[in-house]
Amino acid sequence: SGDASSNYRYEVALYRGNSQVHKAETSSARYDFYP
């Protein structure tokens, strides 16, 4: 909210169905899970 996405640290996790495939941390409001 408030377009302040770049001021935070994030944890992201990718799932296929209910299974976790990949987890990472980033300071950006985007992440490329395709690989």
PDB file of all heavy atoms in Angstrom:
ATOM      1  N   SER A   1       0.838  -1.189   0.000  1.00  0.00           N
ATOM      2  CA  SER A   1       0.000   0.000   0.000  1.00  0.00           C
ATOM      3  C   SER A   1       0.877   1.244   0.000  1.00  0.00           C
ATOM      4  O   SER A   1       1.966   1.240   0.569  1.00  0.00           O
ATOM      5  CB  SER A   1      -0.918   0.019   1.234  1.00  0.00           C
ATOM      6  OG  SER A   1      -0.151   0.075   2.417  1.00  0.00           O
ATOM      7  N   GLY A   2       0.417   2.272  -0.662  1.00  0.00           N
ATOM      8  CA  GLY A   2       1.158   3.521  -0.685  1.00  0.00           C
ATOM      9  C   GLY A   2       2.344   3.504  -1.628  1.00  0.00           C
ATOM     10  O   GLY A   2       3.190   4.380  -1.586  1.00  0.00           O
ATOM     11  N   ASP A   3       2.432   2.501  -2.506  1.00  0.00           N
ATOM     12  CA  ASP A   3       3.504   2.425  -3.495  1.00  0.00           C
ATOM     13  C   ASP A   3       4.882   2.502  -2.846  1.00  0.00           C
ATOM     14  O   ASP A   3       5.776   3.193  -3.311  1.00  0.00           O
ATOM     15  CB  ASP A   3       3.341   3.543  -4.537  1.00  0.00           C
ATOM     16  CG  ASP A   3       4.195   3.301  -5.774  1.00  0.00           C
ATOM     17  OD1 ASP A   3       4.456   2.121  -6.092  1.00  0.00           O
ATOM     18  OD2 ASP A   3       4.594   4.294  -6.422  1.00  0.00           O
ATOM     19  N   ALA A   4       5.061   1.774  -1.739  1.00  0.00           N
ATOM     20  CA  ALA A   4       6.348   1.785  -1.029  1.00  0.00           C
ATOM     21  C   ALA A   4       7.006   0.419  -1.090  1.00  0.00           C
ATOM     22  O   ALA A   4       7.698   0.006  -0.171  1.00  0.00           O
ATOM     23  CB  ALA A   4       6.133   2.207   0.419  1.00  0.00           C
ATOM     24  N   SER A   5       6.796  -0.305  -2.201  1.00  0.00           N
ATOM     25  CA  SER A   5       7.241  -1.693  -2.296  1.00  0.00           C
ATOM     26  C   SER A   5       8.751  -1.847  -2.183  1.00  0.00           C
ATOM     27  O   SER A   5       9.259  -2.893  -1.778  1.00  0.00           O
ATOM     28  CB  SER A   5       6.760  -2.294  -3.621  1.00  0.00           C
ATOM     29  OG  SER A   5       5.354  -2.247  -3.709  1.00  0.00           O
ATOM     30  N   SER A   6       9.500  -0.808  -2.556  1.00  0.00           N
ATOM     31  CA  SER A   6      10.955  -0.924  -2.580  1.00  0.00           C
ATOM     32  C   SER A   6      11.601  -0.711  -1.208  1.00  0.00           C
ATOM     33  O   SER A   6      12.810  -0.828  -1.077  1.00  0.00           O
ATOM     34  CB  SER A   6      11.535   0.090  -3.569  1.00  0.00           C
ATOM     35  OG  SER A   6      11.217   1.412  -3.171  1.00  0.00           O
ATOM     36  N   ASN A   7      10.788  -0.410  -0.160  1.00  0.00           N
ATOM     37  CA  ASN A   7      11.352  -0.109   1.155  1.00  0.00           C
ATOM     38  C   ASN A   7      11.363  -1.313   2.085  1.00  0.00           C
ATOM     39  O   ASN A   7      11.601  -1.159   3.281  1.00  0.00           O
ATOM     40  CB  ASN A   7      10.554   1.030   1.804  1.00  0.00           C
ATOM     41  CG  ASN A   7      10.625   2.306   0.998  1.00  0.00           C
ATOM     42  OD1 ASN A   7      11.633   2.569   0.345  1.00  0.00           O
ATOM     43  ND2 ASN A   7       9.578   3.098   1.036  1.00  0.00           N
ATOM     44  N   TYR A   8      11.114  -2.505   1.562  1.00  0.00           N
ATOM     45  CA  TYR A   8      10.964  -3.673   2.413  1.00  0.00           C
ATOM     46  C   TYR A   8      11.859  -4.825   1.944  1.00  0.00           C
ATOM     47  O   TYR A   8      12.395  -4.825   0.834  1.00  0.00           O
ATOM     48  CB  TYR A   8       9.502  -4.149   2.412  1.00  0.00           C
ATOM     49  CG  TYR A   8       8.518  -3.144   2.955  1.00  0.00           C
ATOM     50  CD1 TYR A   8       7.858  -2.242   2.112  1.00  0.00           C
ATOM     51  CD2 TYR A   8       8.240  -3.084   4.310  1.00  0.00           C
ATOM     52  CE1 TYR A   8       6.958  -1.321   2.609  1.00  0.00           C
ATOM     53  CE2 TYR A   8       7.328  -2.161   4.825  1.00  0.00           C
ATOM     54  CZ  TYR A   8       6.691  -1.286   3.966  1.00  0.00           C
ATOM     55  OH  TYR A   8       5.800  -0.375   4.461  1.00  0.00           O
ATOM     56  N   ARG A   9      11.974  -5.809   2.837  1.00  0.00           N
ATOM     57  CA  ARG A   9      12.620  -7.069   2.519  1.00  0.00           C
ATOM     58  C   ARG A   9      11.536  -8.133   2.474  1.00  0.00           C
ATOM     59  O   ARG A   9      10.642  -8.147   3.324  1.00  0.00           O
ATOM     60  CB  ARG A   9      13.657  -7.419   3.590  1.00  0.00           C
ATOM     61  CG  ARG A   9      14.464  -8.681   3.308  1.00  0.00           C
ATOM     62  CD  ARG A   9      15.491  -8.441   2.238  1.00  0.00           C
ATOM     63  NE  ARG A   9      16.335  -9.628   2.021  1.00  0.00           N
ATOM     64  CZ  ARG A   9      17.156  -9.755   1.003  1.00  0.00           C
ATOM     65  NH1 ARG A   9      17.259  -8.778   0.106  1.00  0.00           N
ATOM     66  NH2 ARG A   9      17.891 -10.827   0.861  1.00  0.00           N
ATOM     67  N   TYR A  10      11.595  -9.015   1.460  1.00  0.00           N
ATOM     68  CA  TYR A  10      10.529  -9.988   1.264  1.00  0.00           C
ATOM     69  C   TYR A  10      11.068 -11.413   1.280  1.00  0.00           C
ATOM     70  O   TYR A  10      12.215 -11.673   0.890  1.00  0.00           O
ATOM     71  CB  TYR A  10       9.838  -9.760  -0.086  1.00  0.00           C
ATOM     72  CG  TYR A  10       9.287  -8.374  -0.284  1.00  0.00           C
ATOM     73  CD1 TYR A  10      10.010  -7.410  -0.984  1.00  0.00           C
ATOM     74  CD2 TYR A  10       8.040  -8.025   0.221  1.00  0.00           C
ATOM     75  CE1 TYR A  10       9.506  -6.137  -1.176  1.00  0.00           C
ATOM     76  CE2 TYR A  10       7.526  -6.755   0.034  1.00  0.00           C
ATOM     77  CZ  TYR A  10       8.266  -5.808  -0.662  1.00  0.00           C
ATOM     78  OH  TYR A  10       7.765  -4.557  -0.842  1.00  0.00           O
ATOM     79  N   GLU A  11      10.213 -12.319   1.716  1.00  0.00           N
ATOM     80  CA  GLU A  11      10.444 -13.747   1.560  1.00  0.00           C
ATOM     81  C   GLU A  11       9.383 -14.266   0.594  1.00  0.00           C
ATOM     82  O   GLU A  11       8.193 -13.982   0.758  1.00  0.00           O
ATOM     83  CB  GLU A  11      10.344 -14.460   2.897  1.00  0.00           C
ATOM     84  CG  GLU A  11      10.679 -15.942   2.812  1.00  0.00           C
ATOM     85  CD  GLU A  11      10.665 -16.622   4.182  1.00  0.00           C
ATOM     86  OE1 GLU A  11       9.931 -16.136   5.069  1.00  0.00           O
ATOM     87  OE2 GLU A  11      11.383 -17.616   4.347  1.00  0.00           O
ATOM     88  N   VAL A  12       9.804 -15.006  -0.433  1.00  0.00           N
ATOM     89  CA  VAL A  12       8.889 -15.521  -1.437  1.00  0.00           C
ATOM     90  C   VAL A  12       9.059 -17.032  -1.544  1.00  0.00           C
ATOM     91  O   VAL A  12      10.151 -17.569  -1.314  1.00  0.00           O
ATOM     92  CB  VAL A  12       9.134 -14.870  -2.815  1.00  0.00           C
ATOM     93  CG1 VAL A  12       8.773 -13.396  -2.789  1.00  0.00           C
ATOM     94  CG2 VAL A  12      10.585 -15.033  -3.253  1.00  0.00           C
ATOM     95  N   ALA A  13       7.980 -17.715  -1.894  1.00  0.00           N
ATOM     96  CA  ALA A  13       8.022 -19.176  -2.010  1.00  0.00           C
ATOM     97  C   ALA A  13       7.126 -19.610  -3.162  1.00  0.00           C
ATOM     98  O   ALA A  13       5.997 -19.118  -3.301  1.00  0.00           O
ATOM     99  CB  ALA A  13       7.573 -19.833  -0.709  1.00  0.00           C
ATOM    100  N   LEU A  14       7.641 -20.521  -3.979  1.00  0.00           N
ATOM    101  CA  LEU A  14       6.912 -21.052  -5.133  1.00  0.00           C
ATOM    102  C   LEU A  14       6.384 -22.445  -4.801  1.00  0.00           C
ATOM    103  O   LEU A  14       7.090 -23.265  -4.206  1.00  0.00           O
ATOM    104  CB  LEU A  14       7.845 -21.124  -6.347  1.00  0.00           C
ATOM    105  CG  LEU A  14       7.273 -21.783  -7.609  1.00  0.00           C
ATOM    106  CD1 LEU A  14       6.180 -20.906  -8.224  1.00  0.00           C
ATOM    107  CD2 LEU A  14       8.387 -22.040  -8.634  1.00  0.00           C
ATOM    108  N   TYR A  15       5.135 -22.704  -5.214  1.00  0.00           N
ATOM    109  CA  TYR A  15       4.509 -24.001  -4.971  1.00  0.00           C
ATOM    110  C   TYR A  15       3.962 -24.577  -6.273  1.00  0.00           C
ATOM    111  O   TYR A  15       3.411 -23.849  -7.111  1.00  0.00           O
ATOM    112  CB  TYR A  15       3.353 -23.861  -3.972  1.00  0.00           C
ATOM    113  CG  TYR A  15       3.789 -23.503  -2.576  1.00  0.00           C
ATOM    114  CD1 TYR A  15       4.065 -22.178  -2.243  1.00  0.00           C
ATOM    115  CD2 TYR A  15       3.939 -24.482  -1.606  1.00  0.00           C
ATOM    116  CE1 TYR A  15       4.478 -21.833  -0.964  1.00  0.00           C
ATOM    117  CE2 TYR A  15       4.342 -24.153  -0.313  1.00  0.00           C
ATOM    118  CZ  TYR A  15       4.611 -22.834  -0.001  1.00  0.00           C
ATOM    119  OH  TYR A  15       5.020 -22.500   1.268  1.00  0.00           O
ATOM    120  N   ARG A  16       4.125 -25.892  -6.428  1.00  0.00           N
ATOM    121  CA  ARG A  16       3.430 -26.645  -7.476  1.00  0.00           C
ATOM    122  C   ARG A  16       2.424 -27.518  -6.753  1.00  0.00           C
ATOM    123  O   ARG A  16       2.783 -28.455  -6.035  1.00  0.00           O
ATOM    124  CB  ARG A  16       4.394 -27.505  -8.297  1.00  0.00           C
ATOM    125  CG  ARG A  16       3.716 -28.211  -9.477  1.00  0.00           C
ATOM    126  CD  ARG A  16       4.688 -29.021 -10.309  1.00  0.00           C
ATOM    127  NE  ARG A  16       5.260 -30.138  -9.562  1.00  0.00           N
ATOM    128  CZ  ARG A  16       6.485 -30.179  -9.086  1.00  0.00           C
ATOM    129  NH1 ARG A  16       7.311 -29.158  -9.275  1.00  0.00           N
ATOM    130  NH2 ARG A  16       6.921 -31.223  -8.406  1.00  0.00           N
ATOM    131  N   GLY A  17       1.155 -27.151  -6.901  1.00  0.00           N
ATOM    132  CA  GLY A  17       0.151 -27.795  -6.067  1.00  0.00           C
ATOM    133  C   GLY A  17       0.383 -27.390  -4.622  1.00  0.00           C
ATOM    134  O   GLY A  17       0.464 -26.213  -4.289  1.00  0.00           O
ATOM    135  N   ASN A  18       0.533 -28.384  -3.735  1.00  0.00           N
ATOM    136  CA  ASN A  18       0.798 -28.108  -2.320  1.00  0.00           C
ATOM    137  C   ASN A  18       2.264 -28.264  -1.954  1.00  0.00           C
ATOM    138  O   ASN A  18       2.634 -28.135  -0.782  1.00  0.00           O
ATOM    139  CB  ASN A  18      -0.043 -29.045  -1.442  1.00  0.00           C
ATOM    140  CG  ASN A  18      -1.528 -28.785  -1.566  1.00  0.00           C
ATOM    141  OD1 ASN A  18      -1.957 -27.640  -1.692  1.00  0.00           O
ATOM    142  ND2 ASN A  18      -2.324 -29.851  -1.558  1.00  0.00           N
ATOM    143  N   SER A  19       3.107 -28.561  -2.933  1.00  0.00           N
ATOM    144  CA  SER A  19       4.527 -28.817  -2.670  1.00  0.00           C
ATOM    145  C   SER A  19       5.357 -27.557  -2.916  1.00  0.00           C
ATOM    146  O   SER A  19       5.241 -26.930  -3.979  1.00  0.00           O
ATOM    147  CB  SER A  19       5.038 -29.947  -3.564  1.00  0.00           C
ATOM    148  OG  SER A  19       4.324 -31.144  -3.321  1.00  0.00           O
ATOM    149  N   GLN A  20       6.179 -27.199  -1.939  1.00  0.00           N
ATOM    150  CA  GLN A  20       7.063 -26.049  -2.114  1.00  0.00           C
ATOM    151  C   GLN A  20       8.207 -26.420  -3.044  1.00  0.00           C
ATOM    152  O   GLN A  20       8.872 -27.429  -2.862  1.00  0.00           O
ATOM    153  CB  GLN A  20       7.605 -25.588  -0.768  1.00  0.00           C
ATOM    154  CG  GLN A  20       8.505 -24.361  -0.861  1.00  0.00           C
ATOM    155  CD  GLN A  20       8.944 -23.850   0.492  1.00  0.00           C
ATOM    156  OE1 GLN A  20       8.128 -23.404   1.288  1.00  0.00           O
ATOM    157  NE2 GLN A  20      10.240 -23.934   0.765  1.00  0.00           N
ATOM    158  N   VAL A  21       8.435 -25.570  -4.037  1.00  0.00           N
ATOM    159  CA  VAL A  21       9.468 -25.814  -5.043  1.00  0.00           C
ATOM    160  C   VAL A  21      10.713 -24.983  -4.782  1.00  0.00           C
ATOM    161  O   VAL A  21      11.845 -25.454  -4.934  1.00  0.00           O
ATOM    162  CB  VAL A  21       8.919 -25.509  -6.461  1.00  0.00           C
ATOM    163  CG1 VAL A  21      10.012 -25.685  -7.514  1.00  0.00           C
ATOM    164  CG2 VAL A  21       7.723 -26.403  -6.770  1.00  0.00           C
ATOM    165  N   HIS A  22      10.517 -23.752  -4.352  1.00  0.00           N
ATOM    166  CA  HIS A  22      11.658 -22.842  -4.189  1.00  0.00           C
ATOM    167  C   HIS A  22      11.280 -21.738  -3.210  1.00  0.00           C
ATOM    168  O   HIS A  22      10.134 -21.282  -3.173  1.00  0.00           O
ATOM    169  CB  HIS A  22      12.037 -22.227  -5.539  1.00  0.00           C
ATOM    170  CG  HIS A  22      13.155 -21.234  -5.475  1.00  0.00           C
ATOM    171  ND1 HIS A  22      14.431 -21.579  -5.100  1.00  0.00           N
ATOM    172  CD2 HIS A  22      13.184 -19.891  -5.734  1.00  0.00           C
ATOM    173  CE1 HIS A  22      15.204 -20.506  -5.138  1.00  0.00           C
ATOM    174  NE2 HIS A  22      14.473 -19.477  -5.510  1.00  0.00           N
ATOM    175  N   LYS A  23      12.262 -21.305  -2.385  1.00  0.00           N
ATOM    176  CA  LYS A  23      12.069 -20.188  -1.457  1.00  0.00           C
ATOM    177  C   LYS A  23      13.279 -19.272  -1.538  1.00  0.00           C
ATOM    178  O   LYS A  23      14.411 -19.739  -1.708  1.00  0.00           O
ATOM    179  CB  LYS A  23      11.880 -20.681  -0.020  1.00  0.00           C
ATOM    180  CG  LYS A  23      11.652 -19.558   0.997  1.00  0.00           C
ATOM    181  CD  LYS A  23      11.555 -20.078   2.414  1.00  0.00           C
ATOM    182  CE  LYS A  23      10.207 -20.704   2.662  1.00  0.00           C
ATOM    183  NZ  LYS A  23      10.023 -21.059   4.109  1.00  0.00           N
ATOM    184  N   ALA A  24      13.044 -17.963  -1.432  1.00  0.00           N
ATOM    185  CA  ALA A  24      14.150 -17.002  -1.552  1.00  0.00           C
ATOM    186  C   ALA A  24      13.772 -15.716  -0.833  1.00  0.00           C
ATOM    187  O   ALA A  24      12.620 -15.516  -0.431  1.00  0.00           O
ATOM    188  CB  ALA A  24      14.467 -16.726  -3.012  1.00  0.00           C
ATOM    189  N   GLU A  25      14.760 -14.831  -0.669  1.00  0.00           N
ATOM    190  CA  GLU A  25      14.554 -13.494  -0.130  1.00  0.00           C
ATOM    191  C   GLU A  25      14.980 -12.475  -1.177  1.00  0.00           C
ATOM    192  O   GLU A  25      15.903 -12.716  -1.962  1.00  0.00           O
ATOM    193  CB  GLU A  25      15.366 -13.281   1.150  1.00  0.00           C
ATOM    194  CG  GLU A  25      14.916 -14.141   2.307  1.00  0.00           C
ATOM    195  CD  GLU A  25      15.698 -13.847   3.581  1.00  0.00           C
ATOM    196  OE1 GLU A  25      16.441 -12.831   3.605  1.00  0.00           O
ATOM    197  OE2 GLU A  25      15.578 -14.623   4.544  1.00  0.00           O
ATOM    198  N   THR A  26      14.297 -11.336  -1.197  1.00  0.00           N
ATOM    199  CA  THR A  26      14.611 -10.294  -2.163  1.00  0.00           C
ATOM    200  C   THR A  26      14.178  -8.940  -1.612  1.00  0.00           C
ATOM    201  O   THR A  26      13.292  -8.862  -0.758  1.00  0.00           O
ATOM    202  CB  THR A  26      13.907 -10.555  -3.515  1.00  0.00           C
ATOM    203  OG1 THR A  26      14.198  -9.492  -4.434  1.00  0.00           O
ATOM    204  CG2 THR A  26      12.395 -10.647  -3.340  1.00  0.00           C
ATOM    205  N   SER A  27      14.799  -7.877  -2.090  1.00  0.00           N
ATOM    206  CA  SER A  27      14.402  -6.516  -1.730  1.00  0.00           C
ATOM    207  C   SER A  27      13.584  -5.868  -2.832  1.00  0.00           C
ATOM    208  O   SER A  27      13.212  -4.697  -2.726  1.00  0.00           O
ATOM    209  CB  SER A  27      15.647  -5.658  -1.448  1.00  0.00           C
ATOM    210  OG  SER A  27      16.339  -6.139  -0.317  1.00  0.00           O
ATOM    211  N   SER A  28      13.302  -6.620  -3.885  1.00  0.00           N
ATOM    212  CA  SER A  28      12.500  -6.120  -4.992  1.00  0.00           C
ATOM    213  C   SER A  28      11.079  -6.640  -4.876  1.00  0.00           C
ATOM    214  O   SER A  28      10.828  -7.672  -4.249  1.00  0.00           O
ATOM    215  CB  SER A  28      13.109  -6.568  -6.321  1.00  0.00           C
ATOM    216  OG  SER A  28      12.261  -6.247  -7.398  1.00  0.00           O
ATOM    217  N   ALA A  29      10.137  -5.931  -5.490  1.00  0.00           N
ATOM    218  CA  ALA A  29       8.740  -6.369  -5.486  1.00  0.00           C
ATOM    219  C   ALA A  29       8.446  -7.234  -6.708  1.00  0.00           C
ATOM    220  O   ALA A  29       7.345  -7.180  -7.265  1.00  0.00           O
ATOM    221  CB  ALA A  29       7.815  -5.159  -5.450  1.00  0.00           C
ATOM    222  N   ARG A  30       9.418  -8.042  -7.105  1.00  0.00           N
ATOM    223  CA  ARG A  30       9.245  -8.956  -8.239  1.00  0.00           C
ATOM    224  C   ARG A  30      10.251 -10.085  -8.117  1.00  0.00           C
ATOM    225  O   ARG A  30      11.296  -9.940  -7.476  1.00  0.00           O
ATOM    226  CB  ARG A  30       9.441  -8.217  -9.567  1.00  0.00           C
ATOM    227  CG  ARG A  30      10.818  -7.574  -9.715  1.00  0.00           C
ATOM    228  CD  ARG A  30      10.949  -6.820 -11.011  1.00  0.00           C
ATOM    229  NE  ARG A  30      10.049  -5.688 -11.063  1.00  0.00           N
ATOM    230  CZ  ARG A  30       9.898  -4.912 -12.133  1.00  0.00           C
ATOM    231  NH1 ARG A  30      10.571  -5.165 -13.229  1.00  0.00           N
ATOM    232  NH2 ARG A  30       9.068  -3.886 -12.102  1.00  0.00           N
ATOM    233  N   TYR A  31       9.935 -11.215  -8.731  1.00  0.00           N
ATOM    234  CA  TYR A  31      10.848 -12.353  -8.685  1.00  0.00           C
ATOM    235  C   TYR A  31      10.539 -13.261  -9.869  1.00  0.00           C
ATOM    236  O   TYR A  31       9.375 -13.475 -10.220  1.00  0.00           O
ATOM    237  CB  TYR A  31      10.688 -13.133  -7.381  1.00  0.00           C
ATOM    238  CG  TYR A  31      11.834 -14.072  -7.083  1.00  0.00           C
ATOM    239  CD1 TYR A  31      12.962 -13.620  -6.408  1.00  0.00           C
ATOM    240  CD2 TYR A  31      11.804 -15.400  -7.485  1.00  0.00           C
ATOM    241  CE1 TYR A  31      14.024 -14.468  -6.135  1.00  0.00           C
ATOM    242  CE2 TYR A  31      12.854 -16.257  -7.218  1.00  0.00           C
ATOM    243  CZ  TYR A  31      13.959 -15.789  -6.544  1.00  0.00           C
ATOM    244  OH  TYR A  31      15.016 -16.629  -6.279  1.00  0.00           O
ATOM    245  N   ASP A  32      11.588 -13.803 -10.489  1.00  0.00           N
ATOM    246  CA  ASP A  32      11.432 -14.694 -11.632  1.00  0.00           C
ATOM    247  C   ASP A  32      11.533 -16.144 -11.162  1.00  0.00           C
ATOM    248  O   ASP A  32      12.627 -16.646 -10.906  1.00  0.00           O
ATOM    249  CB  ASP A  32      12.500 -14.393 -12.686  1.00  0.00           C
ATOM    250  CG  ASP A  32      12.300 -15.219 -13.948  1.00  0.00           C
ATOM    251  OD1 ASP A  32      11.233 -15.850 -14.080  1.00  0.00           O
ATOM    252  OD2 ASP A  32      13.203 -15.240 -14.796  1.00  0.00           O
ATOM    253  N   PHE A  33      10.391 -16.796 -11.056  1.00  0.00           N
ATOM    254  CA  PHE A  33      10.357 -18.196 -10.629  1.00  0.00           C
ATOM    255  C   PHE A  33      10.525 -19.171 -11.799  1.00  0.00           C
ATOM    256  O   PHE A  33      10.653 -20.376 -11.568  1.00  0.00           O
ATOM    257  CB  PHE A  33       9.021 -18.500  -9.937  1.00  0.00           C
ATOM    258  CG  PHE A  33       8.936 -18.014  -8.515  1.00  0.00           C
ATOM    259  CD1 PHE A  33       7.987 -17.071  -8.145  1.00  0.00           C
ATOM    260  CD2 PHE A  33       9.788 -18.516  -7.545  1.00  0.00           C
ATOM    261  CE1 PHE A  33       7.896 -16.642  -6.833  1.00  0.00           C
ATOM    262  CE2 PHE A  33       9.708 -18.086  -6.227  1.00  0.00           C
ATOM    263  CZ  PHE A  33       8.761 -17.144  -5.872  1.00  0.00           C
ATOM    264  N   TYR A  34      10.497 -18.675 -13.034  1.00  0.00           N
ATOM    265  CA  TYR A  34      10.443 -19.590 -14.169  1.00  0.00           C
ATOM    266  C   TYR A  34      11.568 -20.632 -14.183  1.00  0.00           C
ATOM    267  O   TYR A  34      11.307 -21.804 -14.495  1.00  0.00           O
ATOM    268  CB  TYR A  34      10.439 -18.816 -15.490  1.00  0.00           C
ATOM    269  CG  TYR A  34      10.328 -19.734 -16.688  1.00  0.00           C
ATOM    270  CD1 TYR A  34       9.131 -20.382 -16.983  1.00  0.00           C
ATOM    271  CD2 TYR A  34      11.432 -19.979 -17.509  1.00  0.00           C
ATOM    272  CE1 TYR A  34       9.030 -21.243 -18.064  1.00  0.00           C
ATOM    273  CE2 TYR A  34      11.344 -20.843 -18.586  1.00  0.00           C
ATOM    274  CZ  TYR A  34      10.140 -21.474 -18.859  1.00  0.00           C
ATOM    275  OH  TYR A  34      10.050 -22.340 -19.918  1.00  0.00           O
ATOM    276  N   PRO A  35      12.821 -20.276 -13.876  1.00  0.00           N
ATOM    277  CA  PRO A  35      13.869 -21.306 -13.917  1.00  0.00           C
ATOM    278  C   PRO A  35      13.581 -22.512 -13.025  1.00  0.00           C
ATOM    279  O   PRO A  35      14.169 -23.579 -13.228  1.00  0.00           O
ATOM    280  CB  PRO A  35      15.114 -20.548 -13.442  1.00  0.00           C
ATOM    281  CG  PRO A  35      14.853 -19.125 -13.811  1.00  0.00           C
ATOM    282  CD  PRO A  35      13.386 -18.951 -13.566  1.00  0.00           C
TER     283      PRO A  35
END
